[in-house]
Amino acid sequence: MEPTPSYASGGAIRIGDRITYAGNTGRVVFVINTRSFSDAYPEEEWSYLERGFMIEAEGYGRVLLDEADEDLILIERA
């Protein structure tokens, strides 16, 4: 299993986290590395990707990332 993805600030990325991505608000909707999926994004539909996480952010829609960068900022834990 791949390591748990983390924010540039150091905390682990978790499903349901409120975030900003390049200045747009959003949420983490699943984290493949920790096998954390929501009802809206079930594991059987997304686990083929093997690693990374998906966010939904205003202005971007769904974005799949392998790792966090400086554009992804945690606002509040779920």
C-alpha atoms as a PDB file:
ATOM      1  CA  MET A   1       0.000   0.000   0.000  1.00  0.00           C
ATOM      2  CA  GLU A   2       1.181   3.513  -0.838  1.00  0.00           C
ATOM      3  CA  PRO A   3       1.934   5.967   1.994  1.00  0.00           C
ATOM      4  CA  THR A   4      -0.909   8.197   3.175  1.00  0.00           C
ATOM      5  CA  PRO A   5      -0.894  11.473   1.213  1.00  0.00           C
ATOM      6  CA  SER A   6      -0.242  14.615   3.243  1.00  0.00           C
ATOM      7  CA  TYR A   7      -0.774  18.334   2.862  1.00  0.00           C
ATOM      8  CA  ALA A   8       2.317  20.471   2.244  1.00  0.00           C
ATOM      9  CA  SER A   9       1.793  21.692   5.837  1.00  0.00           C
ATOM     10  CA  GLY A  10       2.270  18.129   7.079  1.00  0.00           C
ATOM     11  CA  GLY A  11      -1.139  16.744   8.095  1.00  0.00           C
ATOM     12  CA  ALA A  12      -2.620  13.614   6.522  1.00  0.00           C
ATOM     13  CA  ILE A  13      -5.270  14.112   3.827  1.00  0.00           C
ATOM     14  CA  ARG A  14      -8.609  12.641   4.964  1.00  0.00           C
ATOM     15  CA  ILE A  15     -11.969  12.096   3.347  1.00  0.00           C
ATOM     16  CA  GLY A  16     -14.363  14.972   4.048  1.00  0.00           C
ATOM     17  CA  ASP A  17     -11.638  17.559   4.731  1.00  0.00           C
ATOM     18  CA  ARG A  18     -12.651  21.080   3.682  1.00  0.00           C
ATOM     19  CA  ILE A  19      -9.907  22.481   1.487  1.00  0.00           C
ATOM     20  CA  THR A  20      -8.971  25.221  -0.917  1.00  0.00           C
ATOM     21  CA  TYR A  21      -7.375  24.287  -4.209  1.00  0.00           C
ATOM     22  CA  ALA A  22      -5.728  27.158  -6.065  1.00  0.00           C
ATOM     23  CA  GLY A  23      -8.000  29.512  -4.112  1.00  0.00           C
ATOM     24  CA  ASN A  24     -11.250  27.586  -4.732  1.00  0.00           C
ATOM     25  CA  THR A  25     -13.118  25.898  -1.891  1.00  0.00           C
ATOM     26  CA  GLY A  26     -13.899  22.208  -1.945  1.00  0.00           C
ATOM     27  CA  ARG A  27     -13.753  18.828  -0.175  1.00  0.00           C
ATOM     28  CA  VAL A  28     -11.721  15.652  -0.293  1.00  0.00           C
ATOM     29  CA  VAL A  29     -14.122  12.981  -1.593  1.00  0.00           C
ATOM     30  CA  PHE A  30     -11.902   9.880  -1.348  1.00  0.00           C
ATOM     31  CA  VAL A  31      -8.378   8.762  -0.486  1.00  0.00           C
ATOM     32  CA  ILE A  32      -7.308   5.618  -2.314  1.00  0.00           C
ATOM     33  CA  ASN A  33      -4.148   5.001  -0.258  1.00  0.00           C
ATOM     34  CA  THR A  34      -6.164   4.605   2.960  1.00  0.00           C
ATOM     35  CA  ARG A  35      -9.134   2.943   1.222  1.00  0.00           C
ATOM     36  CA  SER A  36     -11.416   5.767   2.408  1.00  0.00           C
ATOM     37  CA  PHE A  37     -14.382   6.191   0.072  1.00  0.00           C
ATOM     38  CA  SER A  38     -17.782   7.865   0.388  1.00  0.00           C
ATOM     39  CA  ASP A  39     -21.177   6.579  -0.699  1.00  0.00           C
ATOM     40  CA  ALA A  40     -21.059   9.003  -3.645  1.00  0.00           C
ATOM     41  CA  TYR A  41     -17.648   7.649  -4.692  1.00  0.00           C
ATOM     42  CA  PRO A  42     -17.667   3.910  -3.894  1.00  0.00           C
ATOM     43  CA  GLU A  43     -14.439   1.938  -3.730  1.00  0.00           C
ATOM     44  CA  GLU A  44     -15.483  -0.529  -6.441  1.00  0.00           C
ATOM     45  CA  GLU A  45     -15.696   2.322  -8.965  1.00  0.00           C
ATOM     46  CA  TRP A  46     -12.430   4.080  -8.103  1.00  0.00           C
ATOM     47  CA  SER A  47      -9.923   1.666  -6.519  1.00  0.00           C
ATOM     48  CA  TYR A  48      -8.521   0.683  -9.933  1.00  0.00           C
ATOM     49  CA  LEU A  49      -6.580   3.972  -9.747  1.00  0.00           C
ATOM     50  CA  GLU A  50      -4.366   2.377  -7.032  1.00  0.00           C
ATOM     51  CA  ARG A  51      -3.168   5.584  -5.317  1.00  0.00           C
ATOM     52  CA  GLY A  52      -3.928   9.256  -4.769  1.00  0.00           C
ATOM     53  CA  PHE A  53      -7.055  11.131  -3.768  1.00  0.00           C
ATOM     54  CA  MET A  54      -9.875  13.100  -5.346  1.00  0.00           C
ATOM     55  CA  ILE A  55     -11.187  16.518  -4.470  1.00  0.00           C
ATOM     56  CA  GLU A  56     -14.237  18.416  -5.659  1.00  0.00           C
ATOM     57  CA  ALA A  57     -13.465  22.123  -5.885  1.00  0.00           C
ATOM     58  CA  GLU A  58     -15.471  25.088  -7.161  1.00  0.00           C
ATOM     59  CA  GLY A  59     -14.228  26.151 -10.561  1.00  0.00           C
ATOM     60  CA  TYR A  60     -12.485  22.792 -11.136  1.00  0.00           C
ATOM     61  CA  GLY A  61     -15.053  20.077 -10.467  1.00  0.00           C
ATOM     62  CA  ARG A  62     -13.437  16.719  -9.681  1.00  0.00           C
ATOM     63  CA  VAL A  63      -9.646  16.666  -9.547  1.00  0.00           C
ATOM     64  CA  LEU A  64      -7.608  13.478  -9.052  1.00  0.00           C
ATOM     65  CA  LEU A  65      -4.195  14.050  -7.475  1.00  0.00           C
ATOM     66  CA  ASP A  66      -1.317  11.672  -6.705  1.00  0.00           C
ATOM     67  CA  GLU A  67       0.107  14.022  -4.098  1.00  0.00           C
ATOM     68  CA  ALA A  68      -0.599  17.416  -2.593  1.00  0.00           C
ATOM     69  CA  ASP A  69       1.159  20.574  -3.672  1.00  0.00           C
ATOM     70  CA  GLU A  70       1.178  24.158  -2.433  1.00  0.00           C
ATOM     71  CA  ASP A  71      -2.204  24.795  -4.120  1.00  0.00           C
ATOM     72  CA  LEU A  72      -4.001  22.363  -1.767  1.00  0.00           C
ATOM     73  CA  ILE A  73      -4.649  23.835   1.683  1.00  0.00           C
ATOM     74  CA  LEU A  74      -6.582  22.304   4.577  1.00  0.00           C
ATOM     75  CA  ILE A  75      -9.284  24.640   5.926  1.00  0.00           C
ATOM     76  CA  GLU A  76     -11.070  22.305   8.352  1.00  0.00           C
ATOM     77  CA  ARG A  77     -11.176  18.638   9.269  1.00  0.00           C
ATOM     78  CA  ALA A  78     -14.366  16.720   8.537  1.00  0.00           C
END
